[in-house]
Amino acid sequence: MLRLFTFYLQILCTGIQEHEKALEAMQNFNGMGISVYENAEEVEMLKGGLLGFDLKKCIETKAYLCNEEKLVRANEILH
């Protein structure tokens, strides 16, 4: 039961780290248009114990990046 709990915590921690990476990519994006941040991390439960199989979870992150200041200025140029 403890192994399942720690596996669940690993999934949560990995999700938080991926979210932080996506936020950092958003803050550092300087492009004129829109871009996509995508990443995937696999979490594996420690082997051993009563389970006869391996537990794995893939954490996929997708974030759309845009620089709102540049998009607003681009709209002003078009009008």
C-alpha atoms as a PDB file:
ATOM      1  CA  MET A   1       0.000   0.000   0.000  1.00  0.00           C
ATOM      2  CA  LEU A   2       2.883   2.353   0.778  1.00  0.00           C
ATOM      3  CA  ARG A   3       4.402   1.709  -2.642  1.00  0.00           C
ATOM      4  CA  LEU A   4       1.131   2.682  -4.331  1.00  0.00           C
ATOM      5  CA  PHE A   5       0.943   5.844  -2.232  1.00  0.00           C
ATOM      6  CA  THR A   6       4.516   6.863  -3.094  1.00  0.00           C
ATOM      7  CA  PHE A   7       3.800   6.123  -6.776  1.00  0.00           C
ATOM      8  CA  TYR A   8       0.798   8.433  -6.581  1.00  0.00           C
ATOM      9  CA  LEU A   9       2.974  11.127  -4.975  1.00  0.00           C
ATOM     10  CA  GLN A  10       5.557  10.697  -7.759  1.00  0.00           C
ATOM     11  CA  ILE A  11       2.781  11.290 -10.306  1.00  0.00           C
ATOM     12  CA  LEU A  12       1.668  14.441  -8.468  1.00  0.00           C
ATOM     13  CA  CYS A  13       5.220  15.794  -8.146  1.00  0.00           C
ATOM     14  CA  THR A  14       5.962  15.116 -11.810  1.00  0.00           C
ATOM     15  CA  GLY A  15       2.743  16.882 -12.810  1.00  0.00           C
ATOM     16  CA  ILE A  16       3.702  19.916 -10.736  1.00  0.00           C
ATOM     17  CA  GLN A  17       7.206  20.007 -12.249  1.00  0.00           C
ATOM     18  CA  GLU A  18       5.762  19.779 -15.764  1.00  0.00           C
ATOM     19  CA  HIS A  19       3.318  22.580 -15.002  1.00  0.00           C
ATOM     20  CA  GLU A  20       6.168  24.758 -13.725  1.00  0.00           C
ATOM     21  CA  LYS A  21       8.172  24.067 -16.907  1.00  0.00           C
ATOM     22  CA  ALA A  22       5.187  25.074 -19.046  1.00  0.00           C
ATOM     23  CA  LEU A  23       4.718  28.291 -17.042  1.00  0.00           C
ATOM     24  CA  GLU A  24       8.401  29.108 -17.437  1.00  0.00           C
ATOM     25  CA  ALA A  25       8.161  28.536 -21.190  1.00  0.00           C
ATOM     26  CA  MET A  26       5.144  30.880 -21.282  1.00  0.00           C
ATOM     27  CA  GLN A  27       6.992  33.608 -19.412  1.00  0.00           C
ATOM     28  CA  ASN A  28      10.076  33.317 -21.633  1.00  0.00           C
ATOM     29  CA  PHE A  29       8.191  33.206 -24.952  1.00  0.00           C
ATOM     30  CA  ASN A  30       9.060  36.254 -27.062  1.00  0.00           C
ATOM     31  CA  GLY A  31       7.662  35.189 -30.419  1.00  0.00           C
ATOM     32  CA  MET A  32       5.257  37.197 -32.519  1.00  0.00           C
ATOM     33  CA  GLY A  33       2.673  34.472 -33.009  1.00  0.00           C
ATOM     34  CA  ILE A  34       1.459  31.476 -31.118  1.00  0.00           C
ATOM     35  CA  SER A  35       3.558  28.431 -30.299  1.00  0.00           C
ATOM     36  CA  VAL A  36       2.934  25.138 -28.538  1.00  0.00           C
ATOM     37  CA  TYR A  37       4.917  23.696 -25.639  1.00  0.00           C
ATOM     38  CA  GLU A  38       4.698  19.915 -25.475  1.00  0.00           C
ATOM     39  CA  ASN A  39       6.499  17.479 -23.213  1.00  0.00           C
ATOM     40  CA  ALA A  40       5.976  13.965 -21.880  1.00  0.00           C
ATOM     41  CA  GLU A  41       7.457  12.392 -18.770  1.00  0.00           C
ATOM     42  CA  GLU A  42       7.058   8.773 -17.725  1.00  0.00           C
ATOM     43  CA  VAL A  43       6.765   7.825 -14.062  1.00  0.00           C
ATOM     44  CA  GLU A  44       7.492   4.245 -13.020  1.00  0.00           C
ATOM     45  CA  MET A  45       6.713   2.616  -9.704  1.00  0.00           C
ATOM     46  CA  LEU A  46       9.641   1.016  -7.911  1.00  0.00           C
ATOM     47  CA  LYS A  47       9.890  -2.661  -8.782  1.00  0.00           C
ATOM     48  CA  GLY A  48       9.398  -5.441  -6.275  1.00  0.00           C
ATOM     49  CA  GLY A  49       6.816  -6.465  -3.733  1.00  0.00           C
ATOM     50  CA  LEU A  50       3.610  -8.369  -4.375  1.00  0.00           C
ATOM     51  CA  LEU A  51       2.741  -6.868  -7.749  1.00  0.00           C
ATOM     52  CA  GLY A  52       3.630  -9.107 -10.675  1.00  0.00           C
ATOM     53  CA  PHE A  53       3.576  -6.239 -13.158  1.00  0.00           C
ATOM     54  CA  ASP A  54       5.117  -2.795 -13.560  1.00  0.00           C
ATOM     55  CA  LEU A  55       3.037   0.323 -13.045  1.00  0.00           C
ATOM     56  CA  LYS A  56       3.794   3.249 -15.329  1.00  0.00           C
ATOM     57  CA  LYS A  57       2.130   6.573 -15.951  1.00  0.00           C
ATOM     58  CA  CYS A  58       2.889   8.994 -18.768  1.00  0.00           C
ATOM     59  CA  ILE A  59       2.390  12.657 -17.887  1.00  0.00           C
ATOM     60  CA  GLU A  60       1.782  14.693 -21.049  1.00  0.00           C
ATOM     61  CA  THR A  61       1.888  18.467 -20.956  1.00  0.00           C
ATOM     62  CA  LYS A  62       0.655  20.782 -23.678  1.00  0.00           C
ATOM     63  CA  ALA A  63       0.523  24.564 -23.394  1.00  0.00           C
ATOM     64  CA  TYR A  64      -0.178  27.240 -25.964  1.00  0.00           C
ATOM     65  CA  LEU A  65       2.317  30.096 -25.825  1.00  0.00           C
ATOM     66  CA  CYS A  66       1.592  33.600 -27.031  1.00  0.00           C
ATOM     67  CA  ASN A  67       2.997  37.028 -26.383  1.00  0.00           C
ATOM     68  CA  GLU A  68      -0.122  39.113 -25.748  1.00  0.00           C
ATOM     69  CA  GLU A  69       1.695  42.448 -25.987  1.00  0.00           C
ATOM     70  CA  LYS A  70       2.984  41.685 -29.472  1.00  0.00           C
ATOM     71  CA  LEU A  71      -0.369  40.294 -30.597  1.00  0.00           C
ATOM     72  CA  VAL A  72      -2.161  43.473 -29.469  1.00  0.00           C
ATOM     73  CA  ARG A  73       0.372  45.635 -31.305  1.00  0.00           C
ATOM     74  CA  ALA A  74       0.024  43.472 -34.422  1.00  0.00           C
ATOM     75  CA  ASN A  75      -3.732  44.100 -34.339  1.00  0.00           C
ATOM     76  CA  GLU A  76      -3.105  47.871 -34.137  1.00  0.00           C
ATOM     77  CA  ILE A  77      -0.903  47.698 -37.250  1.00  0.00           C
ATOM     78  CA  LEU A  78      -3.615  45.914 -39.223  1.00  0.00           C
ATOM     79  CA  HIS A  79      -6.239  48.605 -38.543  1.00  0.00           C
END
